[in-house]
Every structure is written in C-alpha cells, then in structure tokens.
C-alpha cells in the first residue's frame, strides 16, 4: 500500500454501516463483536465501493450491473504513484491534465483524480453504454469542468486522436488494460453469466487455482482483449514513440508480472535507438492483491517515480587511490560505461556510470557447456544508471553502489557479488 494511502488500515465497517444504509444488508456481526463483509459477494463489494467513495471523497458513483466494480484502495494507489512523479518534477497540481484510457462506467480514476488532487482529465471509453454511464457520473458529481468523457473507437488509436486534436499537451496518461487474451483465457478464470458478462465468484479451475477472495462481475471487454495486456500496451508504446513529449509521462498498471518483463524489454530496445527515452517499473500491494506499474517518458524534465537502492563492498587494506584503478579496470571489463568521474573531498570519489549489458551473468555461466561461454537467454536487458562512491574508511575503502530504481536491486546485487568474487580471487582483497 502506498504510504499516503489512507486505506493502509481497514475501513471501520461498523461506522460505515451506521452511515450508509445501502451497505447494511451485506454486513453481519460475528462472534468477536466485529462487523464482517462477505467480499466474495459482488453486490457487497459494490455497496462498499459506493460507501467509501461517498464517505471519503464525497463522490456519488453509479456502478451499473454487469460492469467492473473498481477497488478504491487499489485505484488510489495508482494515482498516488503518478502524484509522486508530479511532485518530484516540481509541477503545479492546478495545471495537471491527464488521460485515463478506458475509463469504464465508473470513471473512477478521473473522478478520484479530479476530486482528490484537483487534476483535469480526458477520460476515453470505447464501449458506448460505459461511456454514457461515465458521463452521468461526471455530471452527478459536478465535475464537468474538470473531466471530459470521450467515446473512442476500440479498433482505432488509444490516445493519438485525443492528443493531436488538443491545443495543449498532457501531463500524463494512465491505463488499467484488460488482463486476458480473448475468451479462452477468460473462460479459465471466469464463468459466463450472460451473453457478455463474466463472474469469478467461487470459481475453481481444475483444482489448479483456489477460489478468489473477492467476487468480480465484469463485461467481456473489461476482462479480455486480443493479445492481452501486452498487446494493448504495445500499441500505447508505439503511439508514444510518435507523440513523444506531447504527453509528458506514459503509465500503465499491469495484472501479470510476466507482462512487465516483456514490455520493459520492448522499451529497452527502443531506448537503444532513442536516448531520450527512459522508463521504470513499480509494484503495488493492496492486501493479498499485487499489481505492477510501468512508466516511460521522452521528456527530460520528468522525474520517474523510483525508489533508490544501495549496496556496499569493502576493499580491505587499501586506500581510495589504490582502489580506483582496480574498479575502473573491473567496470571496463564488464562493459560498464563510466560517463563521468568526480573528485570530492580527500576521502571520497565518485563515478557516474551506465550499465548497458549484464556481462557478469554471462561470465557466471561459462563452463556450463564444454568450458565455452554461453549467452544469457533471458529477456533483453534494460540499461540503467549506476552511481559509485569510493569512501576512504582506513584501513579499507568502502565502495557504495547506488541505483535509482529499487526494482533493479537484484541485478545490482549480482554485479556486487561478481566484484566481491574478483576480490577473493585476487588474494582476499589485494587489488
């Protein structure tokens, strides 16, 4: 849960039931004196969502039967993550204008963004009835001046038409695409309850998957799209390459961890050709639910929402001046580019680097096939910046490796382990 998300603590169901009559039929008092809500019941989840939106954001939101019911804590988490980038980039909240791709009947992201943060939105929706429901929700809550709902063509561009027809640019776009790839993928996890509606409540799939802890009823187009979320966001990546800085920050939430690696690899390949392209990944947890985030930008003045990570390596019985040539040699051998070298005080130096290939991983696999070096067959590697400080902590030197993105800490750890092993080979610290 994001640190600024008020739902870090569970809602007070007893208080909510006392205030919101719609929620009362779905709550019951259990033996320990607490109020219990059955989260496997879609009707109960809908009543809770409406109660939370009214109680905490003064939003009266229609949730049409058969449409996806948004989970408020999860949606707020995503918006807070975007706010991190906005705050880090020093932008004025009053001037923030976003695009919500596929806003759905609830129009939840745009309504929350406008009410909680004061942002303006263009909310797109390809399904006619959902677009109409979204417009009603905007009007019902008096947010017509801040939120415009635009009906789009499901087979057409995701945002290109909206952006190119606008006289002003956009601060960001956001998206929560359908996870699944067509009806077959959906049918493995949901049961049809009508011509175009699906339900996951209590479904078991051949004993391989436990029943869900939260009931969901949704329309077909909200759950599945051809090629799944990877294909959907792949379209957004291609449009962003044409639109570039007309949208300052491109973002999406993803439902499958495997999608993150595939889409990050695609962005990494583009970044090799377009140096202004930067991207990052993130992770959100709401109770037992986990989602992943991907963001990218072509704008130099945008700071991506990342958490730094650091690791240390001690070089014993050496000074900084003795350790510096060794670390330069090691980084060069690993094809880590040293972009800049800074001289600080007498006891500290700094190297700004760029890691362009995981050469230490390929070296670790040497000897697996007849002593010949074999290539790492994992997904393409995404380059990342690396800062290295050398602190003279006599009688040793401490090397501090820092990266901007905590999500890449595993790769940083592998690099530091490789260098540590080189120290051991070289007579326990002799460089």
Protein backbone atom coordinates (compact mmCIF):
# COMPACT_ATOMS: atom_id res chain seq x y z
CA UNK A 1 0.00 0.00 0.00
CA UNK A 2 1.30 3.47 -0.86
CA UNK A 3 2.47 5.37 2.23
CA UNK A 4 -0.04 8.20 1.61
CA UNK A 5 -2.97 5.86 1.01
CA UNK A 6 -5.48 6.24 3.89
CA UNK A 7 -6.60 2.65 3.40
CA UNK A 8 -3.43 1.29 4.96
CA UNK A 9 -5.81 0.44 7.79
CA UNK A 10 -9.03 -1.48 7.04
CA UNK A 11 -12.23 0.60 6.94
CA UNK A 12 -14.41 0.79 10.03
CA UNK A 13 -17.29 -1.34 8.73
CA UNK A 14 -19.45 -0.67 11.81
CA UNK A 15 -19.27 3.09 11.27
CA UNK A 16 -19.83 2.75 7.51
CA UNK A 17 -22.91 0.59 8.10
CA UNK A 18 -24.30 3.13 10.54
CA UNK A 19 -24.00 5.92 7.95
CA UNK A 20 -24.69 4.12 4.64
CA UNK A 21 -27.94 2.17 4.55
CA UNK A 22 -27.04 0.52 1.22
CA UNK A 23 -24.17 -1.34 2.92
CA UNK A 24 -26.09 -2.69 5.96
CA UNK A 25 -27.72 -5.74 4.32
CA UNK A 26 -24.27 -7.04 3.38
CA UNK A 27 -22.75 -6.83 6.87
CA UNK A 28 -23.18 -9.11 9.84
CA UNK A 29 -21.92 -9.16 13.40
CA UNK A 30 -19.64 -12.12 14.15
CA UNK A 31 -18.67 -13.81 17.43
CA UNK A 32 -15.75 -11.50 18.25
CA UNK A 33 -18.01 -8.45 18.05
CA UNK A 34 -16.65 -7.20 14.74
CA UNK A 35 -18.66 -6.46 11.62
CA UNK A 36 -17.95 -8.86 8.74
CA UNK A 37 -18.40 -8.20 5.00
CA UNK A 38 -18.55 -11.06 2.51
CA UNK A 39 -16.04 -10.00 -0.15
CA UNK A 40 -16.90 -12.95 -2.39
CA UNK A 41 -20.32 -11.34 -2.97
CA UNK A 42 -20.12 -8.86 -5.85
CA UNK A 43 -23.16 -6.94 -4.54
CA UNK A 44 -21.43 -6.46 -1.17
CA UNK A 45 -18.25 -5.22 -2.87
CA UNK A 46 -20.28 -2.74 -4.93
CA UNK A 47 -22.07 -1.43 -1.84
CA UNK A 48 -18.73 -1.00 -0.04
CA UNK A 49 -17.18 0.83 -3.02
CA UNK A 50 -20.09 3.27 -3.19
CA UNK A 51 -19.92 3.82 0.59
CA UNK A 52 -16.16 4.52 0.56
CA UNK A 53 -16.45 6.94 -2.36
CA UNK A 54 -19.26 8.83 -0.59
CA UNK A 55 -17.64 8.80 2.84
CA UNK A 56 -14.06 9.68 1.91
CA UNK A 57 -14.34 11.65 -1.36
CA UNK A 58 -17.93 12.95 -1.46
CA UNK A 59 -18.43 11.08 -4.74
CA UNK A 60 -21.79 9.56 -5.67
CA UNK A 61 -20.87 6.96 -8.28
CA UNK A 62 -23.22 4.78 -10.31
CA UNK A 63 -21.88 1.23 -10.77
CA UNK A 64 -24.06 -0.36 -13.46
CA UNK A 65 -24.91 -4.04 -13.08
CA UNK A 66 -22.59 -6.23 -15.14
CA UNK A 67 -19.76 -3.67 -15.25
CA UNK A 68 -16.48 -3.96 -13.37
CA UNK A 69 -16.57 -2.67 -9.81
CA UNK A 70 -13.33 -0.78 -9.01
CA UNK A 71 -11.50 -1.35 -5.73
CA UNK A 72 -10.96 2.14 -4.30
CA UNK A 73 -7.68 1.49 -2.38
CA UNK A 74 -6.06 -0.02 -5.49
CA UNK A 75 -7.17 2.82 -7.78
CA UNK A 76 -5.96 5.41 -5.29
CA UNK A 77 -2.60 3.62 -5.06
CA UNK A 78 -2.03 4.09 -8.80
CA UNK A 79 -2.97 7.79 -8.65
CA UNK A 80 -0.62 8.37 -5.71
CA UNK A 81 2.21 6.73 -7.67
CA UNK A 82 1.60 9.20 -10.51
CA UNK A 83 1.47 12.04 -7.99
CA UNK A 84 4.96 11.03 -6.84
CA UNK A 85 6.27 11.79 -10.33
CA UNK A 86 4.37 15.06 -10.49
CA UNK A 87 5.71 16.23 -7.12
CA UNK A 88 9.27 15.13 -7.95
CA UNK A 89 9.11 17.05 -11.24
CA UNK A 90 8.01 20.23 -9.46
CA UNK A 91 4.74 20.66 -11.34
CA UNK A 92 1.74 22.67 -10.15
CA UNK A 93 -1.25 20.42 -9.40
CA UNK A 94 -3.65 23.04 -10.82
CA UNK A 95 -2.01 22.68 -14.24
CA UNK A 96 -2.05 18.86 -14.35
CA UNK A 97 -4.01 17.35 -17.23
CA UNK A 98 -4.21 13.59 -17.69
CA UNK A 99 -5.73 10.97 -19.97
CA UNK A 100 -7.49 7.94 -18.50
CA UNK A 101 -7.51 5.25 -21.20
CA UNK A 102 -10.59 3.02 -20.97
CA UNK A 103 -12.20 4.84 -18.06
CA UNK A 104 -15.08 2.35 -17.71
CA UNK A 105 -18.61 3.02 -16.49
CA UNK A 106 -17.44 4.22 -13.07
CA UNK A 107 -14.93 6.76 -14.47
CA UNK A 108 -13.15 6.08 -11.19
CA UNK A 109 -9.63 7.34 -11.95
CA UNK A 110 -10.78 10.64 -13.41
CA UNK A 111 -13.30 11.26 -10.62
CA UNK A 112 -10.77 10.48 -7.88
CA UNK A 113 -8.03 12.45 -9.64
CA UNK A 114 -10.25 15.49 -10.03
CA UNK A 115 -11.76 15.39 -6.53
CA UNK A 116 -8.69 14.33 -4.51
CA UNK A 117 -5.87 16.04 -6.45
CA UNK A 118 -7.59 18.78 -8.44
CA UNK A 119 -6.38 17.43 -11.80
CA UNK A 120 -8.21 17.70 -15.14
CA UNK A 121 -8.87 14.64 -17.32
CA UNK A 122 -9.89 13.43 -20.72
CA UNK A 123 -11.41 10.03 -19.98
CA UNK A 124 -11.70 7.75 -23.03
CA UNK A 125 -14.04 4.80 -23.40
CA UNK A 126 -14.70 2.56 -26.41
CA UNK A 127 -17.90 0.88 -25.17
CA UNK A 128 -20.98 3.09 -25.74
CA UNK A 129 -23.01 2.21 -22.63
CA UNK A 130 -19.96 2.57 -20.37
CA UNK A 131 -19.15 5.97 -21.90
CA UNK A 132 -22.70 7.14 -21.20
CA UNK A 133 -22.55 5.87 -17.60
CA UNK A 134 -19.20 7.63 -17.15
CA UNK A 135 -20.70 10.92 -18.41
CA UNK A 136 -23.58 10.56 -15.94
CA UNK A 137 -21.12 10.02 -13.09
CA UNK A 138 -19.19 13.14 -14.05
CA UNK A 139 -22.37 15.23 -14.23
CA UNK A 140 -23.79 13.78 -10.99
CA UNK A 141 -20.68 14.87 -9.11
CA UNK A 142 -20.40 18.37 -10.61
CA UNK A 143 -17.04 17.71 -12.29
CA UNK A 144 -17.91 18.59 -15.88
CA UNK A 145 -15.36 21.44 -15.82
CA UNK A 146 -12.57 19.03 -14.93
CA UNK A 147 -13.47 15.74 -16.63
CA UNK A 148 -14.37 15.23 -20.29
CA UNK A 149 -15.54 11.77 -21.35
CA UNK A 150 -14.65 10.94 -24.97
CA UNK A 151 -16.11 7.97 -26.86
CA UNK A 152 -13.36 6.29 -28.92
CA UNK A 153 -13.13 3.52 -31.50
CA UNK A 154 -11.92 0.27 -29.94
CA UNK A 155 -10.03 -0.61 -33.11
CA UNK A 156 -8.52 2.86 -33.51
CA UNK A 157 -5.66 4.67 -31.73
CA UNK A 158 -5.69 4.64 -27.94
CA UNK A 159 -4.72 8.29 -27.37
CA UNK A 160 -3.25 9.62 -30.61
CA UNK A 161 -6.50 11.19 -31.79
CA UNK A 162 -7.18 12.78 -28.41
CA UNK A 163 -3.67 14.22 -28.15
CA UNK A 164 -3.30 15.52 -31.70
CA UNK A 165 -6.73 17.21 -31.58
CA UNK A 166 -5.88 19.04 -28.36
CA UNK A 167 -4.43 22.55 -28.39
CA UNK A 168 -2.44 21.77 -25.23
CA UNK A 169 -0.32 18.82 -24.18
CA UNK A 170 -0.94 16.34 -21.38
CA UNK A 171 0.94 15.78 -18.13
CA UNK A 172 0.38 12.01 -18.13
CA UNK A 173 -1.75 9.16 -19.36
CA UNK A 174 -2.84 6.17 -17.31
CA UNK A 175 -4.33 2.81 -18.17
CA UNK A 176 -5.64 -0.33 -16.49
CA UNK A 177 -5.97 -2.59 -19.55
CA UNK A 178 -7.84 -5.90 -19.82
CA UNK A 179 -5.50 -8.59 -18.47
CA UNK A 180 -6.62 -11.56 -20.53
CA UNK A 181 -6.18 -12.67 -24.12
CA UNK A 182 -9.63 -13.38 -25.58
CA UNK A 183 -12.50 -15.54 -24.40
CA UNK A 184 -10.41 -18.70 -23.96
CA UNK A 185 -8.10 -17.07 -21.44
CA UNK A 186 -11.09 -15.51 -19.64
CA UNK A 187 -13.01 -18.79 -19.50
CA UNK A 188 -10.19 -20.40 -17.49
CA UNK A 189 -10.81 -17.94 -14.63
CA UNK A 190 -14.42 -16.77 -15.02
CA UNK A 191 -17.86 -18.27 -15.66
CA UNK A 192 -20.23 -16.71 -18.17
CA UNK A 193 -23.40 -15.35 -16.58
CA UNK A 194 -24.99 -13.90 -19.70
CA UNK A 195 -24.22 -13.08 -23.29
CA UNK A 196 -21.37 -10.69 -22.50
CA UNK A 197 -20.90 -10.92 -18.70
CA UNK A 198 -18.48 -12.99 -16.65
CA UNK A 199 -18.19 -13.81 -12.94
CA UNK A 200 -15.27 -15.14 -10.91
CA UNK A 201 -17.05 -15.71 -7.60
CA UNK A 202 -16.26 -19.16 -6.18
CA UNK A 203 -14.70 -20.45 -9.39
CA UNK A 204 -12.27 -23.35 -9.21
CA UNK A 205 -10.27 -24.17 -12.34
CA UNK A 206 -9.48 -27.89 -12.41
CA UNK A 207 -8.07 -27.79 -8.91
CA UNK A 208 -5.16 -25.63 -10.04
CA UNK A 209 -6.49 -22.30 -8.77
CA UNK A 210 -8.16 -21.57 -5.42
CA UNK A 211 -11.43 -19.68 -5.27
CA UNK A 212 -10.99 -15.88 -5.39
CA UNK A 213 -11.20 -13.91 -2.16
CA UNK A 214 -13.14 -11.09 -3.80
CA UNK A 215 -16.13 -11.51 -6.12
CA UNK A 216 -15.99 -9.85 -9.54
CA UNK A 217 -18.59 -9.42 -12.24
CA UNK A 218 -17.46 -7.65 -15.39
CA UNK A 219 -18.25 -7.25 -19.06
CA UNK A 220 -16.28 -9.15 -21.67
CA UNK A 221 -14.43 -6.09 -22.98
CA UNK A 222 -13.30 -5.14 -19.44
CA UNK A 223 -11.59 -8.50 -18.93
CA UNK A 224 -10.12 -9.50 -22.28
CA UNK A 225 -8.63 -8.08 -25.45
CA UNK A 226 -6.83 -9.71 -28.35
CA UNK A 227 -3.24 -10.32 -27.29
CA UNK A 228 -3.99 -9.40 -23.66
CA UNK A 229 -2.42 -6.50 -21.80
CA UNK A 230 0.96 -6.92 -23.54
CA UNK A 231 -0.55 -6.31 -26.97
CA UNK A 232 -2.72 -3.47 -25.66
CA UNK A 233 0.16 -1.58 -24.04
CA UNK A 234 2.36 -2.42 -27.02
CA UNK A 235 0.01 -0.22 -29.04
CA UNK A 236 0.44 2.57 -26.48
CA UNK A 237 4.24 2.28 -26.69
CA UNK A 238 4.11 2.69 -30.47
CA UNK A 239 1.81 5.71 -30.21
CA UNK A 240 4.07 7.27 -27.58
CA UNK A 241 7.04 7.00 -29.96
CA UNK A 242 5.13 9.27 -32.34
CA UNK A 243 3.63 11.60 -29.76
CA UNK A 244 6.76 11.86 -27.61
CA UNK A 245 6.62 14.91 -25.29
CA UNK A 246 3.03 15.79 -26.16
CA UNK A 247 2.35 13.51 -23.20
CA UNK A 248 4.99 14.04 -20.53
CA UNK A 249 4.58 10.69 -18.76
CA UNK A 250 3.10 7.46 -20.10
CA UNK A 251 1.96 4.94 -17.47
CA UNK A 252 0.03 1.70 -17.12
CA UNK A 253 -0.95 -0.74 -14.40
CA UNK A 254 -0.44 -4.42 -15.23
CA UNK A 255 -2.06 -7.55 -13.82
CA UNK A 256 0.61 -10.09 -14.75
CA UNK A 257 4.23 -9.95 -13.61
CA UNK A 258 5.36 -11.63 -16.83
CA UNK A 259 3.94 -8.67 -18.78
CA UNK A 260 6.33 -6.27 -17.05
CA UNK A 261 9.45 -8.03 -18.37
CA UNK A 262 8.07 -8.31 -21.90
CA UNK A 263 7.03 -4.67 -22.12
CA UNK A 264 10.18 -3.41 -20.39
CA UNK A 265 12.24 -5.35 -22.94
CA UNK A 266 10.34 -3.61 -25.72
CA UNK A 267 11.05 -0.20 -24.19
CA UNK A 268 14.69 -1.14 -23.63
CA UNK A 269 15.08 -1.93 -27.32
CA UNK A 270 13.58 1.44 -28.24
CA UNK A 271 15.84 3.18 -25.71
CA UNK A 272 18.90 1.86 -27.54
CA UNK A 273 17.83 3.90 -30.57
CA UNK A 274 16.26 6.85 -28.74
CA UNK A 275 18.47 8.04 -25.87
CA UNK A 276 15.85 10.45 -24.50
CA UNK A 277 13.54 7.53 -23.69
CA UNK A 278 13.63 6.49 -20.03
CA UNK A 279 11.40 4.05 -18.21
CA UNK A 280 10.84 2.50 -14.81
CA UNK A 281 8.75 -0.18 -13.16
CA UNK A 282 6.93 -0.29 -9.86
CA UNK A 283 4.91 -2.60 -7.67
CA UNK A 284 1.74 -2.05 -5.67
CA UNK A 285 0.27 -4.29 -2.99
CA UNK A 286 -3.22 -3.99 -1.56
CA UNK A 287 -3.69 -6.73 1.00
CA UNK A 288 -3.28 -10.01 -0.92
CA UNK A 289 -3.61 -8.31 -4.31
CA UNK A 290 -0.49 -7.39 -6.25
CA UNK A 291 -0.22 -5.21 -9.34
CA UNK A 292 2.72 -3.90 -11.36
CA UNK A 293 3.34 -0.47 -12.87
CA UNK A 294 5.27 0.64 -15.93
CA UNK A 295 6.08 4.26 -16.79
CA UNK A 296 8.15 5.87 -19.52
CA UNK A 297 8.94 9.36 -20.78
CA UNK A 298 10.68 11.23 -23.57
CA UNK A 299 10.78 14.46 -21.51
CA UNK A 300 14.00 15.50 -19.77
CA UNK A 301 12.14 17.49 -17.10
CA UNK A 302 10.12 14.50 -15.86
CA UNK A 303 11.42 12.57 -12.87
CA UNK A 304 10.23 8.99 -12.88
CA UNK A 305 8.71 7.62 -9.64
CA UNK A 306 11.54 5.38 -8.45
CA UNK A 307 12.99 4.39 -5.09
CA UNK A 308 16.79 4.24 -4.89
CA UNK A 309 18.72 1.21 -3.67
CA UNK A 310 22.31 0.92 -2.45
CA UNK A 311 24.79 -1.86 -1.71
CA UNK A 312 28.30 -1.69 -0.23
CA UNK A 313 31.51 -3.58 -0.92
CA UNK A 314 34.55 -3.23 1.34
CA UNK A 315 38.05 -3.39 -0.19
CA UNK A 316 40.33 -4.19 2.73
CA UNK A 317 43.74 -2.67 3.45
CA UNK A 318 43.66 -0.26 0.51
CA UNK A 319 43.28 3.49 0.07
CA UNK A 320 40.90 5.16 -2.34
CA UNK A 321 43.76 5.97 -4.73
CA UNK A 322 44.75 2.30 -4.78
CA UNK A 323 41.19 1.04 -5.25
CA UNK A 324 40.19 3.47 -8.01
CA UNK A 325 42.33 1.93 -10.81
CA UNK A 326 41.08 -1.54 -9.88
CA UNK A 327 37.40 -0.60 -10.00
CA UNK A 328 37.91 1.25 -13.32
CA UNK A 329 39.53 -1.88 -14.75
CA UNK A 330 36.74 -4.14 -13.48
CA UNK A 331 33.95 -1.90 -14.80
CA UNK A 332 35.65 -1.66 -18.17
CA UNK A 333 35.95 -5.45 -18.37
CA UNK A 334 32.23 -5.72 -17.63
CA UNK A 335 31.41 -3.12 -20.29
CA UNK A 336 30.01 -0.69 -17.74
CA UNK A 337 30.39 2.79 -19.24
CA UNK A 338 31.99 5.40 -16.98
CA UNK A 339 30.22 8.61 -18.01
CA UNK A 340 31.74 10.99 -15.51
CA UNK A 341 34.30 10.98 -12.69
CA UNK A 342 34.03 13.45 -9.84
CA UNK A 343 36.60 14.29 -7.22
CA UNK A 344 35.13 15.13 -3.85
CA UNK A 345 36.92 15.57 -0.56
CA UNK A 346 40.22 13.80 0.14
CA UNK A 347 38.41 10.73 1.40
CA UNK A 348 35.76 10.30 -1.33
CA UNK A 349 35.50 9.95 -5.10
CA UNK A 350 32.51 9.33 -7.34
CA UNK A 351 31.85 7.61 -10.68
CA UNK A 352 28.67 8.10 -12.70
CA UNK A 353 28.15 5.03 -14.89
CA UNK A 354 25.69 3.32 -17.22
CA UNK A 355 25.23 -0.45 -17.14
CA UNK A 356 24.48 -1.47 -20.72
CA UNK A 357 24.72 -5.27 -20.62
CA UNK A 358 24.69 -7.98 -17.89
CA UNK A 359 28.11 -9.31 -18.84
CA UNK A 360 28.75 -10.64 -15.33
CA UNK A 361 25.80 -13.01 -15.76
CA UNK A 362 27.22 -14.48 -18.97
CA UNK A 363 30.60 -14.91 -17.26
CA UNK A 364 28.95 -16.86 -14.43
CA UNK A 365 27.61 -19.35 -16.98
CA UNK A 366 30.99 -20.00 -18.52
CA UNK A 367 31.97 -23.64 -18.39
CA UNK A 368 28.40 -24.97 -18.45
CA UNK A 369 28.90 -26.29 -21.99
CA UNK A 370 32.34 -27.73 -22.51
CA UNK A 371 34.07 -24.72 -20.99
CA UNK A 372 32.66 -22.36 -23.59
CA UNK A 373 30.91 -19.15 -22.64
CA UNK A 374 27.15 -19.30 -23.20
CA UNK A 375 24.81 -16.37 -23.67
CA UNK A 376 22.07 -15.47 -21.20
CA UNK A 377 18.81 -16.32 -22.95
CA UNK A 378 16.60 -14.26 -20.64
CA UNK A 379 14.55 -11.27 -21.84
CA UNK A 380 16.60 -8.38 -23.31
CA UNK A 381 18.44 -6.38 -20.68
CA UNK A 382 17.26 -2.84 -19.89
CA UNK A 383 20.26 -0.49 -19.31
CA UNK A 384 20.29 1.50 -16.07
CA UNK A 385 22.37 4.30 -14.49
CA UNK A 386 24.74 3.46 -11.66
CA UNK A 387 26.48 5.78 -9.18
CA UNK A 388 29.59 4.56 -7.39
CA UNK A 389 31.14 6.31 -4.40
CA UNK A 390 34.58 5.37 -3.02
CA UNK A 391 34.90 6.26 0.66
CA UNK A 392 38.28 6.07 2.33
CA UNK A 393 37.44 4.25 5.58
CA UNK A 394 41.02 3.49 6.60
CA UNK A 395 42.43 0.85 6.69
CA UNK A 396 39.96 -0.05 3.91
CA UNK A 397 37.86 1.51 1.17
CA UNK A 398 34.08 1.21 1.03
CA UNK A 399 32.51 1.13 -2.41
CA UNK A 400 28.86 2.28 -2.35
CA UNK A 401 26.84 1.27 -5.43
CA UNK A 402 23.55 3.18 -5.88
CA UNK A 403 20.80 2.83 -8.48
CA UNK A 404 17.65 4.92 -8.85
CA UNK A 405 15.24 2.02 -9.20
CA UNK A 406 14.83 -0.36 -6.27
CA UNK A 407 13.16 -2.84 -8.65
CA UNK A 408 16.61 -3.45 -10.21
CA UNK A 409 18.28 -4.25 -6.89
CA UNK A 410 18.65 -7.94 -7.74
CA UNK A 411 20.76 -7.06 -10.79
CA UNK A 412 22.83 -4.64 -8.71
CA UNK A 413 23.35 -7.36 -6.12
CA UNK A 414 24.60 -9.77 -8.80
CA UNK A 415 27.09 -7.16 -10.02
CA UNK A 416 28.41 -6.53 -6.49
CA UNK A 417 28.70 -10.27 -5.82
CA UNK A 418 30.71 -10.65 -9.03
CA UNK A 419 33.12 -7.90 -7.94
CA UNK A 420 33.36 -9.41 -4.46
CA UNK A 421 34.35 -12.74 -6.01
CA UNK A 422 37.05 -10.97 -8.01
CA UNK A 423 38.46 -9.61 -4.75
CA UNK A 424 38.56 -13.10 -3.24
CA UNK A 425 40.35 -14.49 -6.29
CA UNK A 426 42.89 -11.67 -6.02
CA UNK A 427 44.23 -12.83 -2.66
CA UNK A 428 41.45 -11.78 -0.33
CA UNK A 429 41.32 -8.10 -1.10
CA UNK A 430 44.63 -7.46 -2.80
CA UNK A 431 43.96 -5.21 -5.81
